[in-house]
């Protein structure tokens, strides 16, 4: 019976390591993120305390939507925080 030829396998070479360090956010990112969430909270509290007359008079319950929009945009920024 003939002897089978052995296969020559190429040795594994791992991809070169990336020399870039960990990515960091700009220094303004965290204060803006927290500021938006706090501003939204204050906006909603003022809306409830003034029975929907302030912070912007005349738009009534839309003030709640604006407050929640600030909060949601702050939370959306948390997904990009490193």
N, C-alpha and C. Protein backbone atom coordinates (compact mmCIF):
# COMPACT_ATOMS: atom_id res chain seq x y z
N UNK A 1 0.85 -1.15 0.00
CA UNK A 1 0.00 0.00 0.00
C UNK A 1 0.91 1.23 0.00
N UNK A 2 0.60 2.22 -0.87
CA UNK A 2 1.46 3.40 -0.93
C UNK A 2 1.25 4.29 0.30
N UNK A 3 2.31 4.93 0.67
CA UNK A 3 2.28 5.81 1.84
C UNK A 3 1.78 7.19 1.42
N UNK A 4 0.87 7.76 2.22
CA UNK A 4 0.31 9.06 1.85
C UNK A 4 1.31 10.16 2.17
N UNK A 5 1.24 11.20 1.37
CA UNK A 5 2.13 12.33 1.59
C UNK A 5 1.53 13.23 2.66
N UNK A 6 2.35 13.71 3.52
CA UNK A 6 1.83 14.60 4.57
C UNK A 6 1.71 16.01 4.03
N UNK A 7 0.68 16.69 4.48
CA UNK A 7 0.46 18.07 4.01
C UNK A 7 1.30 19.02 4.83
N UNK A 8 1.80 19.98 4.15
CA UNK A 8 2.56 21.03 4.83
C UNK A 8 1.61 22.18 5.14
N UNK A 9 1.35 22.44 6.41
CA UNK A 9 0.47 23.52 6.81
C UNK A 9 1.31 24.77 7.05
N UNK A 10 0.76 25.88 6.60
CA UNK A 10 1.44 27.15 6.85
C UNK A 10 1.28 27.49 8.33
N UNK A 11 2.30 28.03 8.90
CA UNK A 11 2.21 28.41 10.32
C UNK A 11 1.33 29.63 10.47
N UNK A 12 0.59 29.67 11.55
CA UNK A 12 -0.34 30.77 11.80
C UNK A 12 0.42 32.00 12.25
N UNK A 13 0.15 33.11 11.58
CA UNK A 13 0.73 34.38 12.01
C UNK A 13 -0.41 35.31 12.40
N UNK A 14 -0.46 35.71 13.65
CA UNK A 14 -1.56 36.57 14.08
C UNK A 14 -1.45 37.95 13.44
N UNK A 15 -2.58 38.64 13.31
CA UNK A 15 -2.53 39.99 12.73
C UNK A 15 -1.75 40.92 13.65
N UNK A 16 -1.14 41.93 13.07
CA UNK A 16 -0.35 42.84 13.91
C UNK A 16 -1.24 43.58 14.90
N UNK A 17 -0.71 43.79 16.08
CA UNK A 17 -1.47 44.47 17.13
C UNK A 17 -1.60 45.95 16.80
N UNK A 18 -2.77 46.48 17.09
CA UNK A 18 -2.98 47.91 16.86
C UNK A 18 -2.29 48.70 17.96
N UNK A 19 -1.63 49.73 17.56
CA UNK A 19 -0.86 50.50 18.53
C UNK A 19 -1.66 51.66 19.12
N UNK A 20 -2.90 51.83 18.70
CA UNK A 20 -3.69 52.93 19.24
C UNK A 20 -4.15 52.59 20.65
N UNK A 21 -4.15 53.59 21.50
CA UNK A 21 -4.58 53.42 22.86
C UNK A 21 -6.09 53.41 22.96
N UNK A 22 -6.60 53.31 24.16
CA UNK A 22 -8.05 53.30 24.31
C UNK A 22 -8.65 54.65 23.90
N UNK A 23 -9.82 54.58 23.27
CA UNK A 23 -10.47 55.81 22.83
C UNK A 23 -11.09 56.51 24.04
N UNK A 24 -10.96 57.80 24.06
CA UNK A 24 -11.53 58.59 25.14
C UNK A 24 -12.41 59.68 24.54
N UNK A 25 -13.34 60.15 25.34
CA UNK A 25 -14.23 61.22 24.88
C UNK A 25 -13.57 62.57 25.09
N UNK A 26 -14.13 63.55 24.43
CA UNK A 26 -13.68 64.92 24.61
C UNK A 26 -14.02 65.35 26.03
N UNK A 27 -13.28 66.32 26.58
CA UNK A 27 -13.53 66.73 27.96
C UNK A 27 -14.90 67.35 28.19
N UNK A 28 -15.54 67.84 27.16
CA UNK A 28 -16.85 68.47 27.31
C UNK A 28 -17.99 67.47 27.30
N UNK A 29 -17.72 66.23 26.93
CA UNK A 29 -18.79 65.25 26.71
C UNK A 29 -19.57 64.92 27.98
N UNK A 30 -18.88 64.61 29.05
CA UNK A 30 -19.55 64.23 30.30
C UNK A 30 -20.35 65.38 30.89
N UNK A 31 -19.81 66.61 30.97
CA UNK A 31 -20.64 67.70 31.50
C UNK A 31 -21.88 67.99 30.66
N UNK A 32 -21.77 67.88 29.34
CA UNK A 32 -22.93 68.12 28.48
C UNK A 32 -23.97 67.02 28.68
N UNK A 33 -23.51 65.78 28.78
CA UNK A 33 -24.41 64.66 28.97
C UNK A 33 -25.18 64.81 30.28
N UNK A 34 -24.48 65.04 31.36
CA UNK A 34 -25.14 65.21 32.66
C UNK A 34 -25.98 66.48 32.69
N UNK A 35 -25.50 67.53 32.04
CA UNK A 35 -26.24 68.78 32.00
C UNK A 35 -27.58 68.64 31.30
N UNK A 36 -27.61 67.89 30.22
CA UNK A 36 -28.88 67.68 29.51
C UNK A 36 -29.88 66.92 30.38
N UNK A 37 -29.39 65.90 31.09
CA UNK A 37 -30.30 65.13 31.93
C UNK A 37 -30.82 65.97 33.10
N UNK A 38 -29.95 66.76 33.71
CA UNK A 38 -30.37 67.60 34.83
C UNK A 38 -31.28 68.72 34.34
N UNK A 39 -30.96 69.32 33.20
CA UNK A 39 -31.81 70.37 32.64
C UNK A 39 -33.21 69.83 32.34
N UNK A 40 -33.30 68.64 31.79
CA UNK A 40 -34.59 68.04 31.52
C UNK A 40 -35.38 67.79 32.79
N UNK A 41 -34.70 67.33 33.84
CA UNK A 41 -35.36 67.11 35.11
C UNK A 41 -35.89 68.41 35.70
N UNK A 42 -35.05 69.44 35.69
CA UNK A 42 -35.48 70.74 36.20
C UNK A 42 -36.63 71.30 35.37
N UNK A 43 -36.57 71.13 34.05
CA UNK A 43 -37.63 71.61 33.16
C UNK A 43 -38.97 70.97 33.52
N UNK A 44 -38.96 69.66 33.75
CA UNK A 44 -40.19 68.95 34.09
C UNK A 44 -40.71 69.37 35.47
N UNK A 45 -39.81 69.53 36.43
CA UNK A 45 -40.22 69.96 37.77
C UNK A 45 -40.85 71.35 37.72
N UNK A 46 -40.23 72.28 36.98
CA UNK A 46 -40.79 73.63 36.85
C UNK A 46 -42.15 73.57 36.16
N UNK A 47 -42.29 72.71 35.17
CA UNK A 47 -43.57 72.57 34.46
C UNK A 47 -44.66 72.11 35.42
N UNK A 48 -44.34 71.13 36.26
CA UNK A 48 -45.34 70.65 37.21
C UNK A 48 -45.65 71.68 38.29
N UNK A 49 -44.64 72.35 38.80
CA UNK A 49 -44.86 73.33 39.88
C UNK A 49 -45.65 74.54 39.42
N UNK A 50 -45.51 74.92 38.16
CA UNK A 50 -46.22 76.10 37.65
C UNK A 50 -47.47 75.72 36.86
N UNK A 51 -47.92 74.48 36.98
CA UNK A 51 -49.11 73.97 36.30
C UNK A 51 -49.05 74.22 34.79
N UNK A 52 -47.95 73.89 34.19
CA UNK A 52 -47.70 73.93 32.74
C UNK A 52 -47.68 75.33 32.15
N UNK A 53 -47.49 76.36 32.96
CA UNK A 53 -47.42 77.73 32.44
C UNK A 53 -46.00 78.14 32.08
N UNK A 54 -45.01 77.58 32.75
CA UNK A 54 -43.61 77.92 32.51
C UNK A 54 -42.85 76.64 32.31
N UNK A 55 -41.69 76.60 31.78
CA UNK A 55 -40.70 77.59 31.38
C UNK A 55 -41.07 78.35 30.12
N UNK A 56 -41.85 77.79 29.22
CA UNK A 56 -42.27 78.54 28.03
C UNK A 56 -43.77 78.75 28.15
N UNK A 57 -44.22 79.97 28.39
CA UNK A 57 -45.66 80.20 28.54
C UNK A 57 -46.40 79.99 27.23
N UNK A 58 -47.60 79.46 27.34
CA UNK A 58 -48.46 79.35 26.18
C UNK A 58 -48.44 78.01 25.47
N UNK A 59 -47.45 77.16 25.73
CA UNK A 59 -47.44 75.87 25.03
C UNK A 59 -47.93 74.73 25.92
N UNK A 60 -48.25 75.07 27.16
CA UNK A 60 -48.87 74.16 28.12
C UNK A 60 -48.13 72.83 28.25
N UNK A 61 -48.79 71.72 27.90
CA UNK A 61 -48.22 70.39 28.15
C UNK A 61 -47.03 70.06 27.24
N UNK A 62 -46.78 70.85 26.22
CA UNK A 62 -45.61 70.61 25.38
C UNK A 62 -44.33 70.86 26.15
N UNK A 63 -44.41 71.59 27.26
CA UNK A 63 -43.23 71.77 28.11
C UNK A 63 -42.73 70.43 28.64
N UNK A 64 -43.65 69.50 28.92
CA UNK A 64 -43.23 68.16 29.36
C UNK A 64 -42.44 67.45 28.27
N UNK A 65 -42.90 67.56 27.04
CA UNK A 65 -42.20 66.92 25.94
C UNK A 65 -40.79 67.48 25.77
N UNK A 66 -40.66 68.78 25.94
CA UNK A 66 -39.33 69.40 25.83
C UNK A 66 -38.42 68.88 26.94
N UNK A 67 -38.94 68.78 28.15
CA UNK A 67 -38.14 68.24 29.26
C UNK A 67 -37.71 66.81 29.01
N UNK A 68 -38.65 65.99 28.55
CA UNK A 68 -38.29 64.61 28.25
C UNK A 68 -37.32 64.51 27.08
N UNK A 69 -37.41 65.41 26.14
CA UNK A 69 -36.46 65.41 25.01
C UNK A 69 -35.04 65.69 25.50
N UNK A 70 -34.90 66.60 26.46
CA UNK A 70 -33.58 66.86 27.05
C UNK A 70 -33.05 65.61 27.75
N UNK A 71 -33.90 64.96 28.51
CA UNK A 71 -33.47 63.77 29.24
C UNK A 71 -33.10 62.64 28.28
N UNK A 72 -33.90 62.42 27.26
CA UNK A 72 -33.63 61.34 26.30
C UNK A 72 -32.35 61.61 25.52
N UNK A 73 -32.11 62.87 25.17
CA UNK A 73 -30.86 63.17 24.46
C UNK A 73 -29.65 62.96 25.37
N UNK A 74 -29.79 63.25 26.65
CA UNK A 74 -28.70 62.96 27.59
C UNK A 74 -28.44 61.47 27.71
N UNK A 75 -29.52 60.69 27.79
CA UNK A 75 -29.34 59.23 27.85
C UNK A 75 -28.81 58.68 26.55
N UNK A 76 -29.16 59.27 25.43
CA UNK A 76 -28.62 58.82 24.15
C UNK A 76 -27.10 59.05 24.09
N UNK A 77 -26.66 60.11 24.75
CA UNK A 77 -25.21 60.36 24.79
C UNK A 77 -24.47 59.32 25.62
N UNK A 78 -25.16 58.70 26.59
CA UNK A 78 -24.49 57.69 27.40
C UNK A 78 -24.08 56.48 26.59
N UNK A 79 -24.74 56.24 25.45
CA UNK A 79 -24.34 55.09 24.64
C UNK A 79 -23.00 55.34 23.95
N UNK A 80 -22.58 56.58 23.82
CA UNK A 80 -21.31 56.90 23.17
C UNK A 80 -20.19 57.18 24.17
N UNK A 81 -20.51 57.11 25.47
CA UNK A 81 -19.53 57.45 26.50
C UNK A 81 -18.55 56.31 26.70
N UNK A 82 -17.27 56.66 26.79
CA UNK A 82 -16.23 55.64 27.00
C UNK A 82 -15.45 55.96 28.23
